[in-house]
Amino acid sequence: MDIDIDRLAMLAKLHLTDAEKAMLAEQLPSIIDYIGKLQEVDTSGVDPKAYLTGAVNVLRDDVVTSTRHERDAVVAAFPKSVGDAMEVPGVFST
């Protein structure tokens, strides 16, 4: 199997040393052969969404809580505030 390592590296946006190119040229054909063997495996009875672990998403209900005292403490500790808002230096010039 003839693989153009330089072209492959360019398409993958990889900067390879000569030693890395030589190693890849030696190993890549066997990697591609292995992928070919994997494609021969019968997966017709396998659920494509099957998970390897029993992990599930743990979600909590969205509950509105009052954090007014925390907000007031943050605004009070801020160097510059206007009313109940924090004032920060402008980012855009007009």
Foldseek 3Di string as FASTA:
>chain_A
DDDDLVVVCVVVVHDDDPVRSVVCRVPVVVVVVVVVVVVPDDCVPPDPPDDPDPDDDDDDDDDDDDPPVVQQVVCVPAPDADDSGHDDDDDDDD
